[in-house]
Amino acid sequence: MMKSKTIYAIVSVFILLLISASGVANAEDMGVKEVVRAYNKALIQAYNTLRFDSLRRVVTEKEYNKVTIYIKSYAGMKQKLRAGLTDLVIKDVEKGSRKASVSTSEKWWYERVDMKTGSILVPKSIYNYEMRYDLVKDEMGKWRVDKLKILREERQ
């Protein structure tokens, strides 16, 4: 009788540990997904306002430089991109201890405007993307977008 109670207790503790570990993994996956969502929100803000503070918080220095150079190149021509994300579906998350990869399906709209007059230079275009975000953990343990890859792009 005592032996079965001990085995029952050990099995119960093991099951609780498995459930707990699963919850931690799900919370970690959610953290990675939230960084992808925060990246897209910060990117839209950067396009629309030419302010990059929010972007800096969710990307590595390498990705920050790549994105800001792209956006600032339009500003150098006295143009601004306006953008919006109308659909984001996170399809897959692969995560290790220091690296993660997130696959998405996204629908964006863009238009180009004259910075001085506000007149539309290139009318609104809609694009569908299949994307892969590569994330890394920084020295503080925060996930950051390190690289994006367009797997498929289709203009509507």
N, C-alpha and C. Protein backbone atom coordinates (compact mmCIF):
# COMPACT_ATOMS: atom_id res chain seq x y z
N MET A 1 0.81 -1.19 0.00
CA MET A 1 0.00 0.00 0.00
C MET A 1 0.86 1.27 0.00
N MET A 2 1.87 1.28 0.85
CA MET A 2 2.76 2.44 0.94
C MET A 2 3.52 2.63 -0.36
N LYS A 3 3.88 1.53 -1.00
CA LYS A 3 4.61 1.60 -2.26
C LYS A 3 3.76 2.23 -3.36
N SER A 4 2.48 1.89 -3.43
CA SER A 4 1.62 2.45 -4.46
C SER A 4 1.37 3.95 -4.23
N LYS A 5 1.30 4.38 -2.96
CA LYS A 5 1.14 5.80 -2.67
C LYS A 5 2.39 6.57 -3.10
N THR A 6 3.56 5.99 -2.90
CA THR A 6 4.81 6.63 -3.30
C THR A 6 4.87 6.75 -4.81
N ILE A 7 4.51 5.68 -5.49
CA ILE A 7 4.51 5.70 -6.96
C ILE A 7 3.50 6.72 -7.46
N TYR A 8 2.32 6.76 -6.84
CA TYR A 8 1.30 7.72 -7.22
C TYR A 8 1.82 9.15 -7.03
N ALA A 9 2.48 9.41 -5.93
CA ALA A 9 3.03 10.75 -5.65
C ALA A 9 4.09 11.12 -6.68
N ILE A 10 4.96 10.19 -7.01
CA ILE A 10 6.02 10.45 -7.98
C ILE A 10 5.42 10.73 -9.35
N VAL A 11 4.44 9.93 -9.76
CA VAL A 11 3.78 10.13 -11.05
C VAL A 11 3.06 11.48 -11.07
N SER A 12 2.40 11.83 -9.97
CA SER A 12 1.69 13.11 -9.90
C SER A 12 2.66 14.28 -10.04
N VAL A 13 3.78 14.21 -9.35
CA VAL A 13 4.78 15.27 -9.44
C VAL A 13 5.32 15.35 -10.86
N PHE A 14 5.58 14.22 -11.48
CA PHE A 14 6.08 14.18 -12.86
C PHE A 14 5.08 14.82 -13.82
N ILE A 15 3.80 14.51 -13.66
CA ILE A 15 2.77 15.08 -14.52
C ILE A 15 2.70 16.60 -14.32
N LEU A 16 2.75 17.05 -13.06
CA LEU A 16 2.73 18.49 -12.80
C LEU A 16 3.94 19.19 -13.42
N LEU A 17 5.10 18.55 -13.36
CA LEU A 17 6.29 19.13 -13.98
C LEU A 17 6.13 19.24 -15.49
N LEU A 18 5.56 18.22 -16.11
CA LEU A 18 5.32 18.26 -17.55
C LEU A 18 4.36 19.37 -17.92
N ILE A 19 3.28 19.51 -17.16
CA ILE A 19 2.30 20.57 -17.42
C ILE A 19 2.95 21.94 -17.25
N SER A 20 3.73 22.08 -16.20
CA SER A 20 4.41 23.35 -15.94
C SER A 20 5.39 23.69 -17.06
N ALA A 21 6.18 22.71 -17.49
CA ALA A 21 7.14 22.94 -18.57
C ALA A 21 6.42 23.31 -19.86
N SER A 22 5.30 22.68 -20.11
CA SER A 22 4.51 22.99 -21.30
C SER A 22 4.01 24.42 -21.25
N GLY A 23 3.57 24.87 -20.09
CA GLY A 23 3.11 26.24 -19.92
C GLY A 23 4.22 27.23 -20.16
N VAL A 24 5.42 26.94 -19.69
CA VAL A 24 6.56 27.82 -19.90
C VAL A 24 6.88 27.89 -21.39
N ALA A 25 6.87 26.75 -22.06
CA ALA A 25 7.15 26.73 -23.50
C ALA A 25 6.11 27.56 -24.24
N ASN A 26 4.83 27.42 -23.88
CA ASN A 26 3.79 28.20 -24.54
C ASN A 26 3.96 29.69 -24.27
N ALA A 27 4.33 30.06 -23.07
CA ALA A 27 4.57 31.47 -22.75
C ALA A 27 5.75 31.99 -23.56
N GLU A 28 6.77 31.18 -23.71
CA GLU A 28 7.94 31.58 -24.50
C GLU A 28 7.56 31.75 -25.96
N ASP A 29 6.77 30.82 -26.52
CA ASP A 29 6.30 30.96 -27.90
C ASP A 29 5.48 32.23 -28.05
N MET A 30 4.63 32.50 -27.08
CA MET A 30 3.82 33.70 -27.15
C MET A 30 4.72 34.93 -27.15
N GLY A 31 5.80 34.91 -26.39
CA GLY A 31 6.74 36.02 -26.39
C GLY A 31 7.32 36.25 -27.77
N VAL A 32 7.67 35.20 -28.47
CA VAL A 32 8.22 35.30 -29.83
C VAL A 32 7.16 35.87 -30.77
N LYS A 33 5.94 35.39 -30.67
CA LYS A 33 4.86 35.90 -31.52
C LYS A 33 4.60 37.37 -31.24
N GLU A 34 4.63 37.74 -29.97
CA GLU A 34 4.39 39.14 -29.61
C GLU A 34 5.48 40.06 -30.16
N VAL A 35 6.71 39.58 -30.22
CA VAL A 35 7.79 40.38 -30.78
C VAL A 35 7.55 40.59 -32.28
N VAL A 36 7.08 39.58 -32.98
CA VAL A 36 6.76 39.74 -34.41
C VAL A 36 5.64 40.76 -34.58
N ARG A 37 4.61 40.68 -33.74
CA ARG A 37 3.52 41.67 -33.82
C ARG A 37 4.04 43.08 -33.50
N ALA A 38 4.87 43.18 -32.47
CA ALA A 38 5.43 44.48 -32.08
C ALA A 38 6.32 45.04 -33.18
N TYR A 39 7.06 44.15 -33.86
CA TYR A 39 7.91 44.59 -34.97
C TYR A 39 7.06 45.22 -36.07
N ASN A 40 5.98 44.55 -36.44
CA ASN A 40 5.13 45.08 -37.51
C ASN A 40 4.48 46.40 -37.12
N LYS A 41 4.05 46.51 -35.89
CA LYS A 41 3.48 47.77 -35.41
C LYS A 41 4.53 48.88 -35.45
N ALA A 42 5.74 48.58 -35.01
CA ALA A 42 6.83 49.57 -35.01
C ALA A 42 7.23 49.94 -36.44
N LEU A 43 7.19 48.97 -37.35
CA LEU A 43 7.53 49.24 -38.75
C LEU A 43 6.51 50.19 -39.38
N ILE A 44 5.25 49.96 -39.11
CA ILE A 44 4.20 50.85 -39.62
C ILE A 44 4.41 52.26 -39.07
N GLN A 45 4.71 52.35 -37.79
CA GLN A 45 4.96 53.66 -37.19
C GLN A 45 6.17 54.34 -37.84
N ALA A 46 7.21 53.58 -38.08
CA ALA A 46 8.41 54.14 -38.71
C ALA A 46 8.11 54.64 -40.12
N TYR A 47 7.37 53.86 -40.90
CA TYR A 47 6.98 54.30 -42.25
C TYR A 47 6.18 55.60 -42.18
N ASN A 48 5.19 55.63 -41.31
CA ASN A 48 4.25 56.74 -41.29
C ASN A 48 4.76 58.01 -40.61
N THR A 49 5.68 57.86 -39.66
CA THR A 49 6.12 59.03 -38.89
C THR A 49 7.61 59.33 -39.02
N LEU A 50 8.36 58.42 -39.61
CA LEU A 50 9.82 58.52 -39.68
C LEU A 50 10.46 58.54 -38.29
N ARG A 51 9.79 57.94 -37.33
CA ARG A 51 10.33 57.79 -35.97
C ARG A 51 10.63 56.32 -35.75
N PHE A 52 11.79 56.04 -35.17
CA PHE A 52 12.28 54.66 -35.11
C PHE A 52 12.45 54.12 -33.69
N ASP A 53 11.98 54.85 -32.68
CA ASP A 53 12.18 54.44 -31.29
C ASP A 53 11.59 53.06 -31.00
N SER A 54 10.36 52.83 -31.40
CA SER A 54 9.70 51.55 -31.15
C SER A 54 10.40 50.41 -31.88
N LEU A 55 10.88 50.69 -33.07
CA LEU A 55 11.57 49.69 -33.85
C LEU A 55 12.87 49.25 -33.17
N ARG A 56 13.59 50.21 -32.65
CA ARG A 56 14.87 49.92 -31.99
C ARG A 56 14.71 48.93 -30.84
N ARG A 57 13.54 48.96 -30.18
CA ARG A 57 13.30 48.10 -29.02
C ARG A 57 13.08 46.63 -29.37
N VAL A 58 12.77 46.33 -30.64
CA VAL A 58 12.41 44.94 -30.99
C VAL A 58 13.31 44.32 -32.05
N VAL A 59 14.35 45.03 -32.48
CA VAL A 59 15.24 44.49 -33.52
C VAL A 59 16.69 44.54 -33.06
N THR A 60 17.52 43.76 -33.74
CA THR A 60 18.96 43.85 -33.52
C THR A 60 19.49 45.08 -34.26
N GLU A 61 20.71 45.45 -33.97
CA GLU A 61 21.33 46.61 -34.61
C GLU A 61 21.39 46.42 -36.13
N LYS A 62 21.70 45.20 -36.55
CA LYS A 62 21.79 44.89 -37.99
C LYS A 62 20.46 45.14 -38.69
N GLU A 63 19.38 44.65 -38.13
CA GLU A 63 18.06 44.83 -38.74
C GLU A 63 17.62 46.29 -38.65
N TYR A 64 17.94 46.94 -37.55
CA TYR A 64 17.61 48.36 -37.39
C TYR A 64 18.25 49.18 -38.51
N ASN A 65 19.53 48.96 -38.74
CA ASN A 65 20.24 49.70 -39.79
C ASN A 65 19.64 49.44 -41.16
N LYS A 66 19.30 48.19 -41.44
CA LYS A 66 18.73 47.84 -42.75
C LYS A 66 17.40 48.56 -42.98
N VAL A 67 16.53 48.51 -42.00
CA VAL A 67 15.20 49.10 -42.15
C VAL A 67 15.27 50.62 -42.21
N THR A 68 16.04 51.22 -41.32
CA THR A 68 16.08 52.69 -41.31
C THR A 68 16.71 53.25 -42.57
N ILE A 69 17.71 52.58 -43.10
CA ILE A 69 18.31 53.04 -44.37
C ILE A 69 17.27 53.01 -45.49
N TYR A 70 16.49 51.95 -45.54
CA TYR A 70 15.45 51.82 -46.56
C TYR A 70 14.43 52.95 -46.46
N ILE A 71 13.93 53.19 -45.25
CA ILE A 71 12.91 54.22 -45.05
C ILE A 71 13.50 55.61 -45.28
N LYS A 72 14.70 55.84 -44.79
CA LYS A 72 15.33 57.16 -44.95
C LYS A 72 15.69 57.45 -46.41
N SER A 73 15.88 56.41 -47.21
CA SER A 73 16.19 56.66 -48.62
C SER A 73 15.02 57.36 -49.30
N TYR A 74 13.80 57.02 -48.93
CA TYR A 74 12.63 57.73 -49.47
C TYR A 74 12.59 59.16 -48.95
N ALA A 75 12.90 59.32 -47.66
CA ALA A 75 12.90 60.67 -47.08
C ALA A 75 13.93 61.55 -47.79
N GLY A 76 15.05 60.95 -48.20
CA GLY A 76 16.06 61.70 -48.95
C GLY A 76 15.54 62.21 -50.28
N MET A 77 14.53 61.54 -50.80
CA MET A 77 13.89 61.98 -52.05
C MET A 77 12.65 62.82 -51.76
N LYS A 78 12.50 63.22 -50.49
CA LYS A 78 11.35 64.03 -50.04
C LYS A 78 10.03 63.29 -50.21
N GLN A 79 10.12 61.96 -50.02
CA GLN A 79 8.93 61.11 -50.09
C GLN A 79 8.82 60.31 -48.79
N LYS A 80 7.60 59.89 -48.54
CA LYS A 80 7.35 59.07 -47.37
C LYS A 80 6.47 57.91 -47.78
N LEU A 81 6.77 56.74 -47.26
CA LEU A 81 5.90 55.60 -47.45
C LEU A 81 4.84 55.61 -46.36
N ARG A 82 3.62 55.41 -46.74
CA ARG A 82 2.56 55.12 -45.77
C ARG A 82 2.27 53.64 -45.92
N ALA A 83 2.04 53.00 -44.80
CA ALA A 83 1.84 51.56 -44.85
C ALA A 83 0.85 51.13 -43.79
N GLY A 84 0.24 50.00 -44.04
CA GLY A 84 -0.66 49.40 -43.06
C GLY A 84 -0.68 47.89 -43.24
N LEU A 85 -0.83 47.20 -42.15
CA LEU A 85 -0.93 45.74 -42.14
C LEU A 85 -2.39 45.40 -41.89
N THR A 86 -3.03 44.76 -42.86
CA THR A 86 -4.45 44.44 -42.71
C THR A 86 -4.69 43.01 -42.27
N ASP A 87 -3.68 42.16 -42.40
CA ASP A 87 -3.86 40.76 -41.98
C ASP A 87 -2.50 40.17 -41.63
N LEU A 88 -2.42 39.54 -40.47
CA LEU A 88 -1.20 38.85 -40.04
C LEU A 88 -1.61 37.52 -39.44
N VAL A 89 -1.12 36.44 -40.05
CA VAL A 89 -1.38 35.10 -39.55
C VAL A 89 -0.04 34.47 -39.22
N ILE A 90 0.15 34.12 -37.97
CA ILE A 90 1.37 33.42 -37.57
C ILE A 90 1.12 31.94 -37.80
N LYS A 91 1.92 31.36 -38.69
CA LYS A 91 1.68 30.00 -39.13
C LYS A 91 2.51 28.97 -38.39
N ASP A 92 3.76 29.34 -38.05
CA ASP A 92 4.65 28.35 -37.46
C ASP A 92 5.69 29.06 -36.61
N VAL A 93 6.04 28.42 -35.49
CA VAL A 93 7.09 28.93 -34.63
C VAL A 93 8.05 27.78 -34.35
N GLU A 94 9.32 28.01 -34.65
CA GLU A 94 10.38 27.06 -34.29
C GLU A 94 11.31 27.79 -33.35
N LYS A 95 11.52 27.22 -32.17
CA LYS A 95 12.27 27.95 -31.17
C LYS A 95 13.29 27.07 -30.48
N GLY A 96 14.51 27.63 -30.38
CA GLY A 96 15.55 27.03 -29.57
C GLY A 96 15.78 27.90 -28.36
N SER A 97 16.86 27.69 -27.68
CA SER A 97 17.10 28.47 -26.47
C SER A 97 17.52 29.91 -26.77
N ARG A 98 18.22 30.14 -27.88
CA ARG A 98 18.70 31.49 -28.20
C ARG A 98 18.23 31.99 -29.57
N LYS A 99 17.63 31.11 -30.38
CA LYS A 99 17.18 31.51 -31.72
C LYS A 99 15.78 30.99 -31.94
N ALA A 100 15.04 31.73 -32.77
CA ALA A 100 13.69 31.32 -33.12
C ALA A 100 13.41 31.74 -34.56
N SER A 101 12.46 31.06 -35.16
CA SER A 101 12.03 31.36 -36.51
C SER A 101 10.50 31.36 -36.51
N VAL A 102 9.92 32.41 -37.08
CA VAL A 102 8.47 32.54 -37.12
C VAL A 102 8.05 32.72 -38.58
N SER A 103 7.14 31.89 -39.04
CA SER A 103 6.61 32.00 -40.41
C SER A 103 5.24 32.65 -40.35
N THR A 104 5.02 33.60 -41.25
CA THR A 104 3.75 34.33 -41.27
C THR A 104 3.19 34.43 -42.68
N SER A 105 1.93 34.76 -42.72
CA SER A 105 1.25 35.17 -43.94
C SER A 105 0.72 36.56 -43.64
N GLU A 106 1.00 37.53 -44.52
CA GLU A 106 0.68 38.92 -44.22
C GLU A 106 0.08 39.62 -45.43
N LYS A 107 -0.79 40.58 -45.15
CA LYS A 107 -1.36 41.42 -46.20
C LYS A 107 -1.09 42.87 -45.81
N TRP A 108 -0.39 43.61 -46.68
CA TRP A 108 0.02 44.99 -46.45
C TRP A 108 -0.51 45.88 -47.55
N TRP A 109 -0.68 47.16 -47.23
CA TRP A 109 -0.91 48.19 -48.25
C TRP A 109 0.16 49.26 -48.08
N TYR A 110 0.54 49.85 -49.20
CA TYR A 110 1.55 50.91 -49.23
C TYR A 110 1.11 51.98 -50.21
N GLU A 111 1.50 53.21 -49.90
CA GLU A 111 1.41 54.30 -50.87
C GLU A 111 2.57 55.25 -50.58
N ARG A 112 2.97 55.97 -51.62
CA ARG A 112 4.06 56.94 -51.47
C ARG A 112 3.49 58.33 -51.61
N VAL A 113 3.92 59.23 -50.69
CA VAL A 113 3.42 60.60 -50.70
C VAL A 113 4.58 61.59 -50.69
N ASP A 114 4.32 62.76 -51.20
CA ASP A 114 5.27 63.86 -51.16
C ASP A 114 5.29 64.39 -49.73
N MET A 115 6.47 64.49 -49.14
CA MET A 115 6.57 64.91 -47.75
C MET A 115 6.13 66.36 -47.54
N LYS A 116 6.33 67.19 -48.53
CA LYS A 116 6.02 68.61 -48.39
C LYS A 116 4.53 68.89 -48.61
N THR A 117 4.00 68.36 -49.69
CA THR A 117 2.61 68.67 -50.05
C THR A 117 1.60 67.64 -49.55
N GLY A 118 2.07 66.43 -49.27
CA GLY A 118 1.15 65.38 -48.85
C GLY A 118 0.43 64.72 -50.01
N SER A 119 0.73 65.16 -51.24
CA SER A 119 0.05 64.56 -52.40
C SER A 119 0.57 63.15 -52.64
N ILE A 120 -0.32 62.33 -53.12
CA ILE A 120 0.02 60.92 -53.36
C ILE A 120 0.81 60.82 -54.66
N LEU A 121 2.00 60.25 -54.57
CA LEU A 121 2.86 60.06 -55.73
C LEU A 121 2.66 58.69 -56.36
N VAL A 122 2.51 57.68 -55.51
CA VAL A 122 2.23 56.31 -55.97
C VAL A 122 1.02 55.83 -55.18
N PRO A 123 -0.09 55.55 -55.89
CA PRO A 123 -1.32 55.18 -55.19
C PRO A 123 -1.19 53.87 -54.41
N LYS A 124 -2.15 53.68 -53.54
CA LYS A 124 -2.16 52.52 -52.66
C LYS A 124 -2.07 51.22 -53.46
N SER A 125 -1.13 50.38 -53.03
CA SER A 125 -0.96 49.04 -53.60
C SER A 125 -1.08 48.04 -52.48
N ILE A 126 -1.61 46.88 -52.79
CA ILE A 126 -1.79 45.83 -51.78
C ILE A 126 -0.89 44.65 -52.14
N TYR A 127 -0.20 44.14 -51.13
CA TYR A 127 0.71 43.02 -51.30
C TYR A 127 0.39 41.92 -50.29
N ASN A 128 0.51 40.69 -50.76
CA ASN A 128 0.44 39.52 -49.88
C ASN A 128 1.84 38.93 -49.78
N TYR A 129 2.23 38.60 -48.55
CA TYR A 129 3.56 38.05 -48.32
C TYR A 129 3.49 36.77 -47.51
N GLU A 130 4.42 35.89 -47.80
CA GLU A 130 4.77 34.78 -46.91
C GLU A 130 6.15 35.16 -46.40
N MET A 131 6.29 35.27 -45.08
CA MET A 131 7.52 35.79 -44.48
C MET A 131 8.11 34.80 -43.49
N ARG A 132 9.42 34.97 -43.29
CA ARG A 132 10.09 34.26 -42.19
C ARG A 132 10.88 35.28 -41.38
N TYR A 133 10.62 35.31 -40.11
CA TYR A 133 11.34 36.18 -39.18
C TYR A 133 12.32 35.31 -38.40
N ASP A 134 13.58 35.69 -38.42
CA ASP A 134 14.57 35.02 -37.59
C ASP A 134 14.83 35.92 -36.39
N LEU A 135 14.66 35.36 -35.20
CA LEU A 135 14.83 36.11 -33.96
C LEU A 135 16.00 35.55 -33.17
N VAL A 136 16.61 36.39 -32.37
CA VAL A 136 17.68 35.97 -31.45
C VAL A 136 17.37 36.57 -30.09
N LYS A 137 17.89 35.92 -29.06
CA LYS A 137 17.79 36.47 -27.71
C LYS A 137 19.00 37.35 -27.46
N ASP A 138 18.75 38.54 -26.94
CA ASP A 138 19.87 39.42 -26.63
C ASP A 138 20.46 39.06 -25.27
N GLU A 139 21.46 39.81 -24.84
CA GLU A 139 22.15 39.50 -23.58
C GLU A 139 21.25 39.67 -22.36
N MET A 140 20.13 40.37 -22.52
CA MET A 140 19.17 40.55 -21.42
C MET A 140 18.07 39.49 -21.45
N GLY A 141 18.14 38.58 -22.42
CA GLY A 141 17.15 37.52 -22.53
C GLY A 141 15.88 37.92 -23.27
N LYS A 142 15.91 39.06 -23.99
CA LYS A 142 14.76 39.51 -24.76
C LYS A 142 14.89 39.06 -26.21
N TRP A 143 13.78 38.61 -26.78
CA TRP A 143 13.76 38.24 -28.19
C TRP A 143 13.79 39.50 -29.03
N ARG A 144 14.58 39.46 -30.12
CA ARG A 144 14.66 40.56 -31.08
C ARG A 144 14.67 40.00 -32.50
N VAL A 145 14.02 40.72 -33.40
CA VAL A 145 14.05 40.33 -34.81
C VAL A 145 15.44 40.64 -35.35
N ASP A 146 16.06 39.63 -35.93
CA ASP A 146 17.42 39.77 -36.45
C ASP A 146 17.45 39.80 -37.98
N LYS A 147 16.47 39.15 -38.60
CA LYS A 147 16.47 39.06 -40.06
C LYS A 147 15.07 38.69 -40.54
N LEU A 148 14.69 39.28 -41.66
CA LEU A 148 13.44 38.92 -42.32
C LEU A 148 13.75 38.38 -43.70
N LYS A 149 12.95 37.44 -44.10
CA LYS A 149 13.08 36.92 -45.46
C LYS A 149 11.69 36.82 -46.07
N ILE A 150 11.56 37.42 -47.26
CA ILE A 150 10.31 37.30 -48.01
C ILE A 150 10.36 35.97 -48.75
N LEU A 151 9.48 35.07 -48.39
CA LEU A 151 9.43 33.75 -49.05
C LEU A 151 8.58 33.81 -50.32
N ARG A 152 7.54 34.65 -50.27
CA ARG A 152 6.68 34.84 -51.44
C ARG A 152 6.06 36.21 -51.36
N GLU A 153 5.99 36.87 -52.50
CA GLU A 153 5.38 38.21 -52.58
C GLU A 153 4.45 38.24 -53.77
N GLU A 154 3.25 38.76 -53.53
CA GLU A 154 2.26 38.85 -54.61
C GLU A 154 1.54 40.18 -54.52
N ARG A 155 1.57 40.92 -55.60
CA ARG A 155 0.85 42.19 -55.63
C ARG A 155 -0.55 41.94 -56.13
N GLN A 156 -1.53 42.53 -55.46
CA GLN A 156 -2.93 42.36 -55.89
C GLN A 156 -3.30 43.38 -56.93
